[in-house]
Amino acid sequence: MQLFLQRLFDGLTLGAIYAVVAVALVLIFKATTLINFAQGELAMFGAFIAYVLAVEQGLPILIAIALAMVISSVMGAVIERVLVRPFDPTDHLPVVLITLGVFLILNAVAGEIWNYQPRAFPSLFPKGPDDYVSIGGARLFYDGLGTWAMLALMMGALYVILNWTKTGLAFRAVSSNTESARLVGIRTGRTLMFGWALACAFGTLGASLVAPRLFLQPNMMATLLIFSFAAAALGGLDSLPGAVLGGIGIGLIQSLLVGYLGDWGPLEFLRNLSLAVAFVVILIVLSFKPSGLFGTSRVERV
């Protein structure tokens, strides 16, 4: 039971990290009905900005991450205005190619500026060997509790923004039906820019939470993005609560799979196996329930 609890806690912590990034993916998908393949690199770039502000400029890590989120949101807004908006939103191929191009550009720029040497990223929460709460003999570390607290704050902020602000209500209208929103006078371009800015800000938060675990380097988000996409697909690509529940599910699957099969093969093999399981989850969901467990099923009139 102690071993099961430990793997359960580890899975919940991983799930919270995946959920933060999955929420950013869902925000873009709700607005544009496409996957932003540059989301991971935008988040990584934001984490590097936080690193520069915290380590090189000496700012407190919380303030550094908050400023990096603001800078990342501006980056996202600029990308939407300059690169995405000129194209027809109903033609997804050009926009998908643009996000892939942004992915490659940001990765190359980050590698040129900061090189590919892993860096230790300061943690928001105590991360020592004694910084944990013991429950049933298992250790629930403070950084895991802090990650869940940040996820709860993020979801609370999103709820307030999307339900109690004019821009948030406009974003929901555009996400529901772009043409109808345009007909009633909503400026869809600015609203989509707001969605990109919001997604980039929360992506930076997710990268800043995971960087102390993975070490900061330009390729750190590649694998994490796959697990987060699996979480978003499982929960529903247009459901924010579904992204959180999907993240929990994927985190638990990974933790239990690697944990209970730990004696059956090398650790690298098990990590690759958990990555393969994420792809299998994506394949199963897209094959049998494309809308995900909590997503909105599309109804077509014939």
Protein backbone atom coordinates (compact mmCIF):
# COMPACT_ATOMS: atom_id res chain seq x y z
CA MET A 1 0.00 0.00 0.00
CA GLN A 2 2.86 2.39 0.79
CA LEU A 3 4.40 1.74 -2.63
CA PHE A 4 1.03 2.21 -4.34
CA LEU A 5 0.46 5.52 -2.53
CA GLN A 6 3.91 6.75 -3.54
CA ARG A 7 3.27 5.99 -7.20
CA LEU A 8 -0.17 7.53 -6.91
CA PHE A 9 1.29 10.78 -5.54
CA ASP A 10 3.97 10.82 -8.23
CA GLY A 11 1.33 10.25 -10.90
CA LEU A 12 -0.86 13.06 -9.58
CA THR A 13 2.12 15.44 -9.64
CA LEU A 14 2.95 14.47 -13.22
CA GLY A 15 -0.72 14.81 -14.10
CA ALA A 16 -0.83 18.36 -12.78
CA ILE A 17 2.14 19.33 -14.97
CA TYR A 18 0.59 17.72 -18.05
CA ALA A 19 -2.71 19.42 -17.26
CA VAL A 20 -1.15 22.90 -17.18
CA VAL A 21 0.30 22.46 -20.68
CA ALA A 22 -2.83 20.67 -21.94
CA VAL A 23 -4.98 23.62 -20.88
CA ALA A 24 -2.82 25.89 -23.06
CA LEU A 25 -3.33 23.51 -26.01
CA VAL A 26 -7.08 23.47 -25.43
CA LEU A 27 -7.28 27.26 -25.35
CA ILE A 28 -5.83 27.48 -28.87
CA PHE A 29 -7.95 24.58 -30.11
CA LYS A 30 -11.16 26.11 -28.77
CA ALA A 31 -10.46 29.31 -30.69
CA THR A 32 -9.08 27.90 -33.95
CA THR A 33 -9.97 24.14 -33.97
CA LEU A 34 -6.32 23.30 -34.64
CA ILE A 35 -3.34 22.12 -32.61
CA ASN A 36 -0.61 24.67 -32.00
CA PHE A 37 2.55 22.63 -32.58
CA ALA A 38 4.66 25.58 -31.42
CA GLN A 39 3.06 25.57 -27.96
CA GLY A 40 5.90 23.65 -26.34
CA GLU A 41 8.62 25.87 -27.80
CA LEU A 42 6.75 29.03 -26.84
CA ALA A 43 6.54 27.69 -23.29
CA MET A 44 10.23 26.74 -23.34
CA PHE A 45 11.19 30.21 -24.55
CA GLY A 46 9.13 31.75 -21.76
CA ALA A 47 10.90 29.55 -19.20
CA PHE A 48 14.27 30.78 -20.51
CA ILE A 49 13.08 34.36 -20.07
CA ALA A 50 12.11 33.53 -16.48
CA TYR A 51 15.55 31.96 -15.98
CA VAL A 52 17.31 35.10 -17.23
CA LEU A 53 15.20 37.33 -14.98
CA ALA A 54 15.62 35.12 -11.91
CA VAL A 55 19.21 33.83 -12.17
CA GLU A 56 21.00 36.46 -14.22
CA GLN A 57 19.06 39.55 -13.10
CA GLY A 58 18.47 38.43 -9.51
CA LEU A 59 14.68 38.83 -9.36
CA PRO A 60 12.63 36.60 -7.03
CA ILE A 61 11.55 33.51 -8.94
CA LEU A 62 7.82 34.22 -8.53
CA ILE A 63 8.18 37.74 -9.96
CA ALA A 64 10.45 36.43 -12.73
CA ILE A 65 7.86 33.85 -13.80
CA ALA A 66 5.06 36.43 -13.68
CA LEU A 67 7.05 38.83 -15.88
CA ALA A 68 7.96 35.98 -18.25
CA MET A 69 4.25 35.13 -18.56
CA VAL A 70 3.52 38.73 -19.55
CA ILE A 71 6.34 38.75 -22.12
CA SER A 72 5.20 35.38 -23.48
CA SER A 73 1.64 36.62 -23.83
CA VAL A 74 2.92 39.54 -25.93
CA MET A 75 4.89 37.07 -28.08
CA GLY A 76 1.78 34.98 -28.61
CA ALA A 77 -0.29 38.02 -29.53
CA VAL A 78 2.33 39.17 -32.04
CA ILE A 79 2.55 35.71 -33.63
CA GLU A 80 -1.23 35.58 -34.03
CA ARG A 81 -1.42 39.09 -35.50
CA VAL A 82 1.53 38.85 -37.88
CA LEU A 83 1.66 35.19 -38.90
CA VAL A 84 -1.75 33.61 -38.30
CA ARG A 85 -4.42 36.25 -38.88
CA PRO A 86 -3.62 36.99 -42.56
CA PHE A 87 -4.67 33.44 -43.51
CA ASP A 88 -8.17 32.08 -43.94
CA PRO A 89 -9.11 30.51 -40.56
CA THR A 90 -11.14 27.80 -42.31
CA ASP A 91 -8.04 26.61 -44.21
CA HIS A 92 -6.02 24.86 -41.51
CA LEU A 93 -3.03 23.68 -43.54
CA PRO A 94 -1.22 27.07 -43.79
CA VAL A 95 -1.72 27.77 -40.08
CA VAL A 96 -0.46 24.30 -39.10
CA LEU A 97 2.63 24.83 -41.26
CA ILE A 98 3.16 28.22 -39.62
CA THR A 99 3.07 26.69 -36.13
CA LEU A 100 5.58 24.05 -37.25
CA GLY A 101 7.81 26.81 -38.63
CA VAL A 102 7.56 28.77 -35.36
CA PHE A 103 8.47 25.55 -33.51
CA LEU A 104 11.68 25.17 -35.53
CA ILE A 105 12.59 28.87 -35.37
CA LEU A 106 12.15 29.19 -31.61
CA ASN A 107 14.11 25.99 -30.97
CA ALA A 108 16.97 27.20 -33.15
CA VAL A 109 16.96 30.71 -31.64
CA ALA A 110 16.94 29.33 -28.07
CA GLY A 111 19.82 27.01 -28.95
CA GLU A 112 21.78 29.88 -30.48
CA ILE A 113 21.23 32.20 -27.52
CA TRP A 114 21.48 29.80 -24.60
CA ASN A 115 23.04 26.70 -26.28
CA TYR A 116 21.91 23.18 -25.40
CA GLN A 117 23.69 22.89 -22.06
CA PRO A 118 21.16 21.86 -19.37
CA ARG A 119 20.63 24.50 -16.69
CA ALA A 120 19.30 24.16 -13.15
CA PHE A 121 16.06 26.13 -12.93
CA PRO A 122 15.12 27.50 -9.49
CA SER A 123 11.98 25.93 -8.06
CA LEU A 124 8.99 27.91 -6.86
CA PHE A 125 8.59 25.55 -3.92
CA PRO A 126 10.87 23.85 -1.38
CA LYS A 127 12.52 20.91 -3.11
CA GLY A 128 14.85 19.36 -0.57
CA PRO A 129 14.90 15.69 0.49
CA ASP A 130 13.07 16.56 3.71
CA ASP A 131 10.42 18.83 2.15
CA TYR A 132 7.47 16.45 2.12
CA VAL A 133 4.36 15.36 3.98
CA SER A 134 4.20 11.70 4.99
CA ILE A 135 0.86 9.99 4.32
CA GLY A 136 0.62 6.27 4.95
CA GLY A 137 4.40 6.05 4.77
CA ALA A 138 4.46 7.62 1.27
CA ARG A 139 6.02 11.01 0.61
CA LEU A 140 3.97 13.82 -0.87
CA PHE A 141 6.55 16.48 -1.68
CA TYR A 142 5.87 20.18 -1.31
CA ASP A 143 6.67 20.87 -4.96
CA GLY A 144 3.89 18.44 -5.94
CA LEU A 145 1.44 20.19 -3.64
CA GLY A 146 2.60 23.53 -5.01
CA THR A 147 2.07 22.36 -8.59
CA TRP A 148 -1.49 21.41 -7.77
CA ALA A 149 -2.02 24.75 -6.05
CA MET A 150 -0.77 26.59 -9.16
CA LEU A 151 -3.07 24.49 -11.35
CA ALA A 152 -6.02 25.33 -9.12
CA LEU A 153 -5.16 29.04 -9.23
CA MET A 154 -4.82 28.88 -13.02
CA MET A 155 -8.19 27.19 -13.46
CA GLY A 156 -9.79 29.67 -11.08
CA ALA A 157 -8.30 32.59 -13.03
CA LEU A 158 -9.53 31.08 -16.31
CA TYR A 159 -13.02 30.64 -14.87
CA VAL A 160 -13.15 34.28 -13.83
CA ILE A 161 -11.73 35.53 -17.13
CA LEU A 162 -14.00 33.43 -19.35
CA ASN A 163 -17.18 33.96 -17.35
CA TRP A 164 -16.93 37.42 -15.80
CA THR A 165 -15.06 39.59 -18.29
CA LYS A 166 -16.20 41.03 -21.60
CA THR A 167 -13.15 39.69 -23.45
CA GLY A 168 -13.62 36.23 -21.93
CA LEU A 169 -17.27 36.11 -22.97
CA ALA A 170 -16.26 37.21 -26.48
CA PHE A 171 -13.68 34.42 -26.55
CA ARG A 172 -16.34 31.87 -25.62
CA ALA A 173 -18.60 33.20 -28.36
CA VAL A 174 -15.84 32.97 -30.97
CA SER A 175 -14.96 29.46 -29.76
CA SER A 176 -18.57 28.41 -30.16
CA ASN A 177 -19.19 29.88 -33.62
CA THR A 178 -16.77 32.27 -35.31
CA GLU A 179 -19.13 33.41 -38.05
CA SER A 180 -22.03 34.10 -35.69
CA ALA A 181 -19.72 35.99 -33.33
CA ARG A 182 -18.53 38.15 -36.24
CA LEU A 183 -22.12 38.85 -37.31
CA VAL A 184 -23.06 40.19 -33.85
CA GLY A 185 -20.13 42.62 -33.87
CA ILE A 186 -17.42 40.74 -31.98
CA ARG A 187 -13.94 41.55 -33.26
CA THR A 188 -12.81 38.00 -33.81
CA GLY A 189 -9.21 38.93 -34.68
CA ARG A 190 -8.55 40.62 -31.35
CA THR A 191 -10.37 37.86 -29.51
CA LEU A 192 -8.22 35.15 -31.10
CA MET A 193 -5.15 37.24 -30.27
CA PHE A 194 -6.31 37.21 -26.65
CA GLY A 195 -6.58 33.40 -26.78
CA TRP A 196 -3.03 33.05 -28.11
CA ALA A 197 -1.71 35.43 -25.47
CA LEU A 198 -3.48 33.53 -22.69
CA ALA A 199 -2.23 30.16 -23.94
CA CYS A 200 1.37 31.38 -24.15
CA ALA A 201 1.23 32.82 -20.64
CA PHE A 202 -0.06 29.58 -19.10
CA GLY A 203 2.35 27.55 -21.22
CA THR A 204 5.21 29.53 -19.70
CA LEU A 205 3.86 28.75 -16.24
CA GLY A 206 3.79 25.03 -17.09
CA ALA A 207 7.35 25.07 -18.44
CA SER A 208 8.54 26.92 -15.33
CA LEU A 209 6.97 24.25 -13.14
CA VAL A 210 8.54 21.36 -15.03
CA ALA A 211 11.98 22.93 -15.67
CA PRO A 212 13.29 22.19 -12.12
CA ARG A 213 12.56 18.50 -12.76
CA LEU A 214 13.93 18.20 -16.30
CA PHE A 215 16.63 20.90 -16.31
CA LEU A 216 16.21 23.83 -18.64
CA GLN A 217 17.32 23.31 -22.24
CA PRO A 218 15.76 23.98 -25.67
CA ASN A 219 14.46 20.43 -26.24
CA MET A 220 12.93 19.90 -22.81
CA MET A 221 9.29 20.33 -23.92
CA ALA A 222 9.33 17.82 -26.78
CA THR A 223 8.33 14.74 -24.77
CA LEU A 224 6.20 16.71 -22.32
CA LEU A 225 4.13 18.09 -25.20
CA ILE A 226 3.29 14.56 -26.37
CA PHE A 227 1.98 13.59 -22.93
CA SER A 228 0.07 16.87 -22.69
CA PHE A 229 -1.50 16.35 -26.10
CA ALA A 230 -2.53 12.85 -25.02
CA ALA A 231 -4.10 14.42 -21.93
CA ALA A 232 -5.97 17.00 -24.02
CA ALA A 233 -7.17 14.34 -26.47
CA LEU A 234 -8.31 12.06 -23.65
CA GLY A 235 -10.21 14.75 -21.80
CA GLY A 236 -11.53 16.54 -24.90
CA LEU A 237 -9.71 19.05 -27.07
CA ASP A 238 -12.34 21.71 -26.41
CA SER A 239 -12.84 21.04 -22.69
CA LEU A 240 -10.72 22.83 -20.10
CA PRO A 241 -11.88 20.62 -17.18
CA GLY A 242 -11.36 17.63 -19.48
CA ALA A 243 -7.73 18.69 -20.02
CA VAL A 244 -7.17 18.59 -16.26
CA LEU A 245 -8.80 15.18 -15.85
CA GLY A 246 -6.97 13.89 -18.91
CA GLY A 247 -3.68 15.10 -17.44
CA ILE A 248 -4.41 13.20 -14.22
CA GLY A 249 -5.19 10.06 -16.21
CA ILE A 250 -2.02 10.21 -18.30
CA GLY A 251 0.13 11.01 -15.25
CA LEU A 252 -1.27 8.03 -13.34
CA ILE A 253 -0.82 5.70 -16.31
CA GLN A 254 2.80 6.77 -16.71
CA SER A 255 3.64 6.55 -13.01
CA LEU A 256 2.02 3.17 -12.46
CA LEU A 257 3.35 1.72 -15.69
CA VAL A 258 6.98 2.70 -15.06
CA GLY A 259 6.68 1.93 -11.35
CA TYR A 260 5.25 -1.58 -11.52
CA LEU A 261 7.32 -2.62 -14.54
CA GLY A 262 10.50 -1.16 -13.09
CA ASP A 263 12.09 -4.57 -12.53
CA TRP A 264 11.26 -5.85 -16.00
CA GLY A 265 13.66 -3.81 -18.08
CA PRO A 266 16.05 -0.85 -18.29
CA LEU A 267 14.68 2.51 -17.21
CA GLU A 268 15.21 4.01 -20.68
CA PHE A 269 13.09 1.24 -22.19
CA LEU A 270 10.32 1.91 -19.69
CA ARG A 271 10.38 5.62 -20.44
CA ASN A 272 10.04 4.86 -24.13
CA LEU A 273 7.23 2.45 -23.27
CA SER A 274 5.35 5.16 -21.38
CA LEU A 275 5.78 7.43 -24.41
CA ALA A 276 4.39 4.68 -26.63
CA VAL A 277 1.41 4.34 -24.30
CA ALA A 278 0.71 8.06 -24.75
CA PHE A 279 0.59 7.53 -28.52
CA VAL A 280 -1.70 4.52 -28.04
CA VAL A 281 -4.06 6.63 -25.92
CA ILE A 282 -4.14 9.29 -28.64
CA LEU A 283 -4.84 6.65 -31.30
CA ILE A 284 -7.62 4.99 -29.32
CA VAL A 285 -9.34 8.26 -28.44
CA LEU A 286 -9.17 9.62 -32.00
CA SER A 287 -10.41 6.30 -33.41
CA PHE A 288 -13.36 5.64 -31.10
CA LYS A 289 -14.26 8.97 -29.48
CA PRO A 290 -12.60 11.87 -31.31
CA SER A 291 -14.29 14.44 -29.06
CA GLY A 292 -12.64 12.92 -25.96
CA LEU A 293 -14.31 11.91 -22.71
CA PHE A 294 -15.63 15.39 -21.92
CA GLY A 295 -15.41 17.19 -25.27
CA THR A 296 -18.33 18.42 -27.33
CA SER A 297 -19.46 16.05 -30.04
CA ARG A 298 -19.81 17.72 -33.41
CA VAL A 299 -23.27 17.47 -34.94
CA GLU A 300 -23.53 17.75 -38.71
CA ARG A 301 -26.81 18.31 -40.51
CA VAL A 302 -27.39 16.40 -43.74
